[in-house]
């Protein structure tokens, strides 16, 4: 899941070298944290959170095989 979020985020932002994605696994959930440059924050979130919602939807669809809940957080 980490690689998927990283590829999507790097394709959206102006500064792909500042994209940092970390993944933490727990017993029944996977937490994916995304950090981008402050100037790119709007591009990752989108108007009214539409792009962030789309990223979460794609990750949820990709995670349907692994039987774990995946949570994507966008950090400042």
PDB file of N, CA and C in Angstrom:
ATOM      1  N   UNK A   1       0.818  -1.187   0.000  1.00  0.00           N
ATOM      2  CA  UNK A   1       0.000   0.000   0.000  1.00  0.00           C
ATOM      3  C   UNK A   1       0.866   1.257   0.000  1.00  0.00           C
ATOM      4  N   UNK A   2       2.005   1.175   0.662  1.00  0.00           N
ATOM      5  CA  UNK A   2       2.908   2.317   0.738  1.00  0.00           C
ATOM      6  C   UNK A   2       3.338   2.750  -0.662  1.00  0.00           C
ATOM      7  N   UNK A   3       3.698   1.780  -1.491  1.00  0.00           N
ATOM      8  CA  UNK A   3       4.167   2.102  -2.840  1.00  0.00           C
ATOM      9  C   UNK A   3       3.064   2.729  -3.686  1.00  0.00           C
ATOM     10  N   UNK A   4       1.857   2.241  -3.536  1.00  0.00           N
ATOM     11  CA  UNK A   4       0.728   2.778  -4.289  1.00  0.00           C
ATOM     12  C   UNK A   4       0.479   4.240  -3.929  1.00  0.00           C
ATOM     13  N   UNK A   5       0.447   4.551  -2.645  1.00  0.00           N
ATOM     14  CA  UNK A   5       0.222   5.926  -2.199  1.00  0.00           C
ATOM     15  C   UNK A   5       1.365   6.824  -2.662  1.00  0.00           C
ATOM     16  N   UNK A   6       2.586   6.310  -2.607  1.00  0.00           N
ATOM     17  CA  UNK A   6       3.750   7.098  -3.017  1.00  0.00           C
ATOM     18  C   UNK A   6       3.698   7.440  -4.507  1.00  0.00           C
ATOM     19  N   UNK A   7       3.348   6.481  -5.343  1.00  0.00           N
ATOM     20  CA  UNK A   7       3.264   6.728  -6.788  1.00  0.00           C
ATOM     21  C   UNK A   7       2.172   7.749  -7.099  1.00  0.00           C
ATOM     22  N   UNK A   8       1.023   7.606  -6.462  1.00  0.00           N
ATOM     23  CA  UNK A   8      -0.078   8.548  -6.702  1.00  0.00           C
ATOM     24  C   UNK A   8       0.316   9.955  -6.255  1.00  0.00           C
ATOM     25  N   UNK A   9       0.890  10.072  -5.059  1.00  0.00           N
ATOM     26  CA  UNK A   9       1.253  11.394  -4.525  1.00  0.00           C
ATOM     27  C   UNK A   9       2.330  12.061  -5.363  1.00  0.00           C
ATOM     28  N   UNK A  10       3.340  11.300  -5.771  1.00  0.00           N
ATOM     29  CA  UNK A  10       4.424  11.889  -6.566  1.00  0.00           C
ATOM     30  C   UNK A  10       3.943  12.373  -7.922  1.00  0.00           C
ATOM     31  N   UNK A  11       2.912  11.743  -8.458  1.00  0.00           N
ATOM     32  CA  UNK A  11       2.394  12.186  -9.747  1.00  0.00           C
ATOM     33  C   UNK A  11       1.543  13.452  -9.626  1.00  0.00           C
ATOM     34  N   UNK A  12       1.080  13.771  -8.420  1.00  0.00           N
ATOM     35  CA  UNK A  12       0.225  14.942  -8.222  1.00  0.00           C
ATOM     36  C   UNK A  12       0.983  16.215  -7.872  1.00  0.00           C
ATOM     37  N   UNK A  13       2.119  16.102  -7.191  1.00  0.00           N
ATOM     38  CA  UNK A  13       2.771  17.271  -6.600  1.00  0.00           C
ATOM     39  C   UNK A  13       3.834  17.879  -7.519  1.00  0.00           C
ATOM     40  N   UNK A  14       4.241  19.111  -7.177  1.00  0.00           N
ATOM     41  CA  UNK A  14       5.315  19.799  -7.907  1.00  0.00           C
ATOM     42  C   UNK A  14       6.695  19.412  -7.391  1.00  0.00           C
ATOM     43  N   UNK A  15       6.780  18.971  -6.132  1.00  0.00           N
ATOM     44  CA  UNK A  15       8.056  18.609  -5.511  1.00  0.00           C
ATOM     45  C   UNK A  15       8.013  17.139  -5.082  1.00  0.00           C
ATOM     46  N   UNK A  16       8.165  16.209  -6.028  1.00  0.00           N
ATOM     47  CA  UNK A  16       8.053  14.782  -5.679  1.00  0.00           C
ATOM     48  C   UNK A  16       9.165  14.285  -4.760  1.00  0.00           C
ATOM     49  N   UNK A  17      10.261  15.002  -4.701  1.00  0.00           N
ATOM     50  CA  UNK A  17      11.361  14.578  -3.828  1.00  0.00           C
ATOM     51  C   UNK A  17      11.030  14.781  -2.350  1.00  0.00           C
ATOM     52  N   UNK A  18      10.015  15.576  -2.044  1.00  0.00           N
ATOM     53  CA  UNK A  18       9.631  15.833  -0.655  1.00  0.00           C
ATOM     54  C   UNK A  18       8.476  14.948  -0.181  1.00  0.00           C
ATOM     55  N   UNK A  19       8.041  14.015  -1.013  1.00  0.00           N
ATOM     56  CA  UNK A  19       6.964  13.101  -0.616  1.00  0.00           C
ATOM     57  C   UNK A  19       7.550  12.006   0.279  1.00  0.00           C
ATOM     58  N   UNK A  20       6.965  11.845   1.458  1.00  0.00           N
ATOM     59  CA  UNK A  20       7.394  10.816   2.401  1.00  0.00           C
ATOM     60  C   UNK A  20       6.166   9.999   2.806  1.00  0.00           C
ATOM     61  N   UNK A  21       6.259   8.691   2.612  1.00  0.00           N
ATOM     62  CA  UNK A  21       5.158   7.802   2.963  1.00  0.00           C
ATOM     63  C   UNK A  21       5.673   6.773   3.957  1.00  0.00           C
ATOM     64  N   UNK A  22       4.984   6.640   5.089  1.00  0.00           N
ATOM     65  CA  UNK A  22       5.349   5.632   6.082  1.00  0.00           C
ATOM     66  C   UNK A  22       4.155   4.708   6.287  1.00  0.00           C
ATOM     67  N   UNK A  23       4.469   3.448   6.558  1.00  0.00           N
ATOM     68  CA  UNK A  23       3.425   2.447   6.751  1.00  0.00           C
ATOM     69  C   UNK A  23       3.645   1.734   8.071  1.00  0.00           C
ATOM     70  N   UNK A  24       2.586   1.652   8.870  1.00  0.00           N
ATOM     71  CA  UNK A  24       2.625   0.973  10.158  1.00  0.00           C
ATOM     72  C   UNK A  24       1.553  -0.107  10.152  1.00  0.00           C
ATOM     73  N   UNK A  25       1.941  -1.323  10.482  1.00  0.00           N
ATOM     74  CA  UNK A  25       0.977  -2.423  10.499  1.00  0.00           C
ATOM     75  C   UNK A  25       0.630  -2.810  11.925  1.00  0.00           C
ATOM     76  N   UNK A  26      -0.653  -3.008  12.151  1.00  0.00           N
ATOM     77  CA  UNK A  26      -1.142  -3.490  13.434  1.00  0.00           C
ATOM     78  C   UNK A  26      -1.827  -4.831  13.184  1.00  0.00           C
ATOM     79  N   UNK A  27      -2.496  -5.365  14.169  1.00  0.00           N
ATOM     80  CA  UNK A  27      -3.083  -6.699  14.032  1.00  0.00           C
ATOM     81  C   UNK A  27      -4.125  -6.785  12.919  1.00  0.00           C
ATOM     82  N   UNK A  28      -5.005  -5.811  12.826  1.00  0.00           N
ATOM     83  CA  UNK A  28      -6.045  -5.883  11.799  1.00  0.00           C
ATOM     84  C   UNK A  28      -6.152  -4.613  10.958  1.00  0.00           C
ATOM     85  N   UNK A  29      -5.147  -3.753  11.019  1.00  0.00           N
ATOM     86  CA  UNK A  29      -5.204  -2.500  10.266  1.00  0.00           C
ATOM     87  C   UNK A  29      -3.806  -2.095   9.797  1.00  0.00           C
ATOM     88  N   UNK A  30      -3.785  -1.344   8.722  1.00  0.00           N
ATOM     89  CA  UNK A  30      -2.540  -0.780   8.197  1.00  0.00           C
ATOM     90  C   UNK A  30      -2.729   0.736   8.145  1.00  0.00           C
ATOM     91  N   UNK A  31      -1.802   1.467   8.747  1.00  0.00           N
ATOM     92  CA  UNK A  31      -1.846   2.930   8.750  1.00  0.00           C
ATOM     93  C   UNK A  31      -0.793   3.441   7.775  1.00  0.00           C
ATOM     94  N   UNK A  32      -1.226   4.207   6.782  1.00  0.00           N
ATOM     95  CA  UNK A  32      -0.318   4.796   5.798  1.00  0.00           C
ATOM     96  C   UNK A  32      -0.370   6.301   5.993  1.00  0.00           C
ATOM     97  N   UNK A  33       0.791   6.893   6.310  1.00  0.00           N
ATOM     98  CA  UNK A  33       0.875   8.338   6.532  1.00  0.00           C
ATOM     99  C   UNK A  33       1.607   8.987   5.365  1.00  0.00           C
ATOM    100  N   UNK A  34       1.045  10.056   4.848  1.00  0.00           N
ATOM    101  CA  UNK A  34       1.593  10.763   3.702  1.00  0.00           C
ATOM    102  C   UNK A  34       1.980  12.176   4.111  1.00  0.00           C
ATOM    103  N   UNK A  35       3.227  12.541   3.841  1.00  0.00           N
ATOM    104  CA  UNK A  35       3.694  13.909   4.088  1.00  0.00           C
ATOM    105  C   UNK A  35       4.181  14.491   2.763  1.00  0.00           C
ATOM    106  N   UNK A  36       3.764  15.715   2.476  1.00  0.00           N
ATOM    107  CA  UNK A  36       4.199  16.418   1.270  1.00  0.00           C
ATOM    108  C   UNK A  36       4.654  17.821   1.660  1.00  0.00           C
ATOM    109  N   UNK A  37       5.256  18.516   0.708  1.00  0.00           N
ATOM    110  CA  UNK A  37       5.672  19.895   0.952  1.00  0.00           C
ATOM    111  C   UNK A  37       4.436  20.752   1.228  1.00  0.00           C
ATOM    112  N   UNK A  38       4.579  21.765   2.085  1.00  0.00           N
ATOM    113  CA  UNK A  38       3.417  22.623   2.396  1.00  0.00           C
ATOM    114  C   UNK A  38       2.770  23.248   1.159  1.00  0.00           C
ATOM    115  N   UNK A  39       3.568  23.577   0.154  1.00  0.00           N
ATOM    116  CA  UNK A  39       2.999  24.179  -1.054  1.00  0.00           C
ATOM    117  C   UNK A  39       2.210  23.170  -1.887  1.00  0.00           C
ATOM    118  N   UNK A  40       2.433  21.880  -1.678  1.00  0.00           N
ATOM    119  CA  UNK A  40       1.736  20.839  -2.429  1.00  0.00           C
ATOM    120  C   UNK A  40       0.528  20.271  -1.684  1.00  0.00           C
ATOM    121  N   UNK A  41       0.282  20.739  -0.491  1.00  0.00           N
ATOM    122  CA  UNK A  41      -0.790  20.182   0.330  1.00  0.00           C
ATOM    123  C   UNK A  41      -2.146  20.288  -0.372  1.00  0.00           C
ATOM    124  N   UNK A  42      -2.423  21.415  -1.001  1.00  0.00           N
ATOM    125  CA  UNK A  42      -3.693  21.606  -1.685  1.00  0.00           C
ATOM    126  C   UNK A  42      -3.881  20.677  -2.865  1.00  0.00           C
ATOM    127  N   UNK A  43      -2.789  20.328  -3.521  1.00  0.00           N
ATOM    128  CA  UNK A  43      -2.877  19.436  -4.677  1.00  0.00           C
ATOM    129  C   UNK A  43      -3.194  18.014  -4.255  1.00  0.00           C
ATOM    130  N   UNK A  44      -2.755  17.620  -3.077  1.00  0.00           N
ATOM    131  CA  UNK A  44      -3.005  16.263  -2.594  1.00  0.00           C
ATOM    132  C   UNK A  44      -4.403  16.155  -1.986  1.00  0.00           C
ATOM    133  N   UNK A  45      -4.867  17.231  -1.355  1.00  0.00           N
ATOM    134  CA  UNK A  45      -6.186  17.197  -0.722  1.00  0.00           C
ATOM    135  C   UNK A  45      -7.289  17.500  -1.746  1.00  0.00           C
ATOM    136  N   UNK A  46      -7.084  18.494  -2.583  1.00  0.00           N
ATOM    137  CA  UNK A  46      -8.074  18.840  -3.594  1.00  0.00           C
ATOM    138  C   UNK A  46      -9.209  19.665  -3.033  1.00  0.00           C
ATOM    139  N   UNK A  47     -10.063  20.117  -3.927  1.00  0.00           N
ATOM    140  CA  UNK A  47     -11.211  20.921  -3.501  1.00  0.00           C
ATOM    141  C   UNK A  47     -12.186  20.058  -2.733  1.00  0.00           C
ATOM    142  N   UNK A  48     -12.516  20.517  -1.545  1.00  0.00           N
ATOM    143  CA  UNK A  48     -13.435  19.824  -0.641  1.00  0.00           C
ATOM    144  C   UNK A  48     -12.986  18.387  -0.365  1.00  0.00           C
ATOM    145  N   UNK A  49     -11.671  18.133  -0.465  1.00  0.00           N
ATOM    146  CA  UNK A  49     -11.131  16.824  -0.126  1.00  0.00           C
ATOM    147  C   UNK A  49     -11.367  15.749  -1.163  1.00  0.00           C
ATOM    148  N   UNK A  50     -11.678  16.128  -2.383  1.00  0.00           N
ATOM    149  CA  UNK A  50     -12.018  15.139  -3.408  1.00  0.00           C
ATOM    150  C   UNK A  50     -10.837  14.259  -3.797  1.00  0.00           C
ATOM    151  N   UNK A  51      -9.663  14.837  -3.950  1.00  0.00           N
ATOM    152  CA  UNK A  51      -8.498  14.026  -4.340  1.00  0.00           C
ATOM    153  C   UNK A  51      -8.093  13.108  -3.198  1.00  0.00           C
ATOM    154  N   UNK A  52      -8.124  13.604  -1.970  1.00  0.00           N
ATOM    155  CA  UNK A  52      -7.806  12.763  -0.814  1.00  0.00           C
ATOM    156  C   UNK A  52      -8.790  11.601  -0.725  1.00  0.00           C
ATOM    157  N   UNK A  53     -10.050  11.865  -0.976  1.00  0.00           N
ATOM    158  CA  UNK A  53     -11.063  10.805  -0.953  1.00  0.00           C
ATOM    159  C   UNK A  53     -10.810   9.797  -2.065  1.00  0.00           C
ATOM    160  N   UNK A  54     -10.410  10.274  -3.227  1.00  0.00           N
ATOM    161  CA  UNK A  54     -10.125   9.376  -4.346  1.00  0.00           C
ATOM    162  C   UNK A  54      -8.917   8.495  -4.043  1.00  0.00           C
ATOM    163  N   UNK A  55      -7.888   9.059  -3.411  1.00  0.00           N
ATOM    164  CA  UNK A  55      -6.715   8.266  -3.024  1.00  0.00           C
ATOM    165  C   UNK A  55      -7.141   7.173  -2.056  1.00  0.00           C
ATOM    166  N   UNK A  56      -7.952   7.527  -1.078  1.00  0.00           N
ATOM    167  CA  UNK A  56      -8.413   6.539  -0.092  1.00  0.00           C
ATOM    168  C   UNK A  56      -9.267   5.455  -0.756  1.00  0.00           C
ATOM    169  N   UNK A  57     -10.064   5.825  -1.742  1.00  0.00           N
ATOM    170  CA  UNK A  57     -10.900   4.851  -2.444  1.00  0.00           C
ATOM    171  C   UNK A  57     -10.050   3.862  -3.230  1.00  0.00           C
ATOM    172  N   UNK A  58      -9.028   4.353  -3.917  1.00  0.00           N
ATOM    173  CA  UNK A  58      -8.142   3.474  -4.685  1.00  0.00           C
ATOM    174  C   UNK A  58      -7.392   2.524  -3.754  1.00  0.00           C
ATOM    175  N   UNK A  59      -6.910   3.040  -2.633  1.00  0.00           N
ATOM    176  CA  UNK A  59      -6.186   2.201  -1.676  1.00  0.00           C
ATOM    177  C   UNK A  59      -7.123   1.166  -1.063  1.00  0.00           C
ATOM    178  N   UNK A  60      -8.348   1.557  -0.779  1.00  0.00           N
ATOM    179  CA  UNK A  60      -9.315   0.607  -0.222  1.00  0.00           C
ATOM    180  C   UNK A  60      -9.606  -0.515  -1.211  1.00  0.00           C
ATOM    181  N   UNK A  61      -9.733  -0.180  -2.479  1.00  0.00           N
ATOM    182  CA  UNK A  61      -9.979  -1.197  -3.495  1.00  0.00           C
ATOM    183  C   UNK A  61      -8.774  -2.133  -3.632  1.00  0.00           C
ATOM    184  N   UNK A  62      -7.576  -1.581  -3.561  1.00  0.00           N
ATOM    185  CA  UNK A  62      -6.372  -2.406  -3.671  1.00  0.00           C
ATOM    186  C   UNK A  62      -6.172  -3.279  -2.439  1.00  0.00           C
ATOM    187  N   UNK A  63      -6.687  -2.857  -1.301  1.00  0.00           N
ATOM    188  CA  UNK A  63      -6.482  -3.605  -0.061  1.00  0.00           C
ATOM    189  C   UNK A  63      -7.534  -4.691   0.153  1.00  0.00           C
ATOM    190  N   UNK A  64      -8.479  -4.814  -0.751  1.00  0.00           N
ATOM    191  CA  UNK A  64      -9.540  -5.799  -0.552  1.00  0.00           C
ATOM    192  C   UNK A  64      -9.015  -7.230  -0.533  1.00  0.00           C
ATOM    193  N   UNK A  65      -7.830  -7.457  -1.081  1.00  0.00           N
ATOM    194  CA  UNK A  65      -7.249  -8.801  -1.099  1.00  0.00           C
ATOM    195  C   UNK A  65      -6.604  -9.187   0.230  1.00  0.00           C
ATOM    196  N   UNK A  66      -6.166  -8.224   1.011  1.00  0.00           N
ATOM    197  CA  UNK A  66      -5.357  -8.546   2.197  1.00  0.00           C
ATOM    198  C   UNK A  66      -6.165  -8.629   3.499  1.00  0.00           C
ATOM    199  N   UNK A  67      -7.476  -8.466   3.469  1.00  0.00           N
ATOM    200  CA  UNK A  67      -8.343  -8.615   4.640  1.00  0.00           C
ATOM    201  C   UNK A  67      -7.959  -7.726   5.819  1.00  0.00           C
ATOM    202  N   UNK A  68      -7.335  -6.604   5.548  1.00  0.00           N
ATOM    203  CA  UNK A  68      -7.005  -5.643   6.600  1.00  0.00           C
ATOM    204  C   UNK A  68      -7.571  -4.286   6.220  1.00  0.00           C
ATOM    205  N   UNK A  69      -7.963  -3.526   7.225  1.00  0.00           N
ATOM    206  CA  UNK A  69      -8.438  -2.174   6.987  1.00  0.00           C
ATOM    207  C   UNK A  69      -7.232  -1.272   6.765  1.00  0.00           C
ATOM    208  N   UNK A  70      -7.276  -0.443   5.756  1.00  0.00           N
ATOM    209  CA  UNK A  70      -6.179   0.471   5.455  1.00  0.00           C
ATOM    210  C   UNK A  70      -6.663   1.892   5.680  1.00  0.00           C
ATOM    211  N   UNK A  71      -5.915   2.641   6.483  1.00  0.00           N
ATOM    212  CA  UNK A  71      -6.237   4.036   6.787  1.00  0.00           C
ATOM    213  C   UNK A  71      -5.143   4.911   6.189  1.00  0.00           C
ATOM    214  N   UNK A  72      -5.534   5.879   5.372  1.00  0.00           N
ATOM    215  CA  UNK A  72      -4.578   6.816   4.776  1.00  0.00           C
ATOM    216  C   UNK A  72      -4.753   8.162   5.453  1.00  0.00           C
ATOM    217  N   UNK A  73      -3.671   8.659   6.067  1.00  0.00           N
ATOM    218  CA  UNK A  73      -3.689   9.977   6.707  1.00  0.00           C
ATOM    219  C   UNK A  73      -2.731  10.894   5.975  1.00  0.00           C
ATOM    220  N   UNK A  74      -3.164  12.122   5.766  1.00  0.00           N
ATOM    221  CA  UNK A  74      -2.320  13.133   5.143  1.00  0.00           C
ATOM    222  C   UNK A  74      -1.877  14.089   6.231  1.00  0.00           C
ATOM    223  N   UNK A  75      -0.574  14.125   6.498  1.00  0.00           N
ATOM    224  CA  UNK A  75      -0.015  14.924   7.588  1.00  0.00           C
ATOM    225  C   UNK A  75       0.585  16.217   7.062  1.00  0.00           C
ATOM    226  N   UNK A  76       0.598  17.223   7.930  1.00  0.00           N
ATOM    227  CA  UNK A  76       1.221  18.502   7.556  1.00  0.00           C
ATOM    228  C   UNK A  76       2.680  18.514   7.886  1.00  0.00           C
TER     229      UNK A  76
END
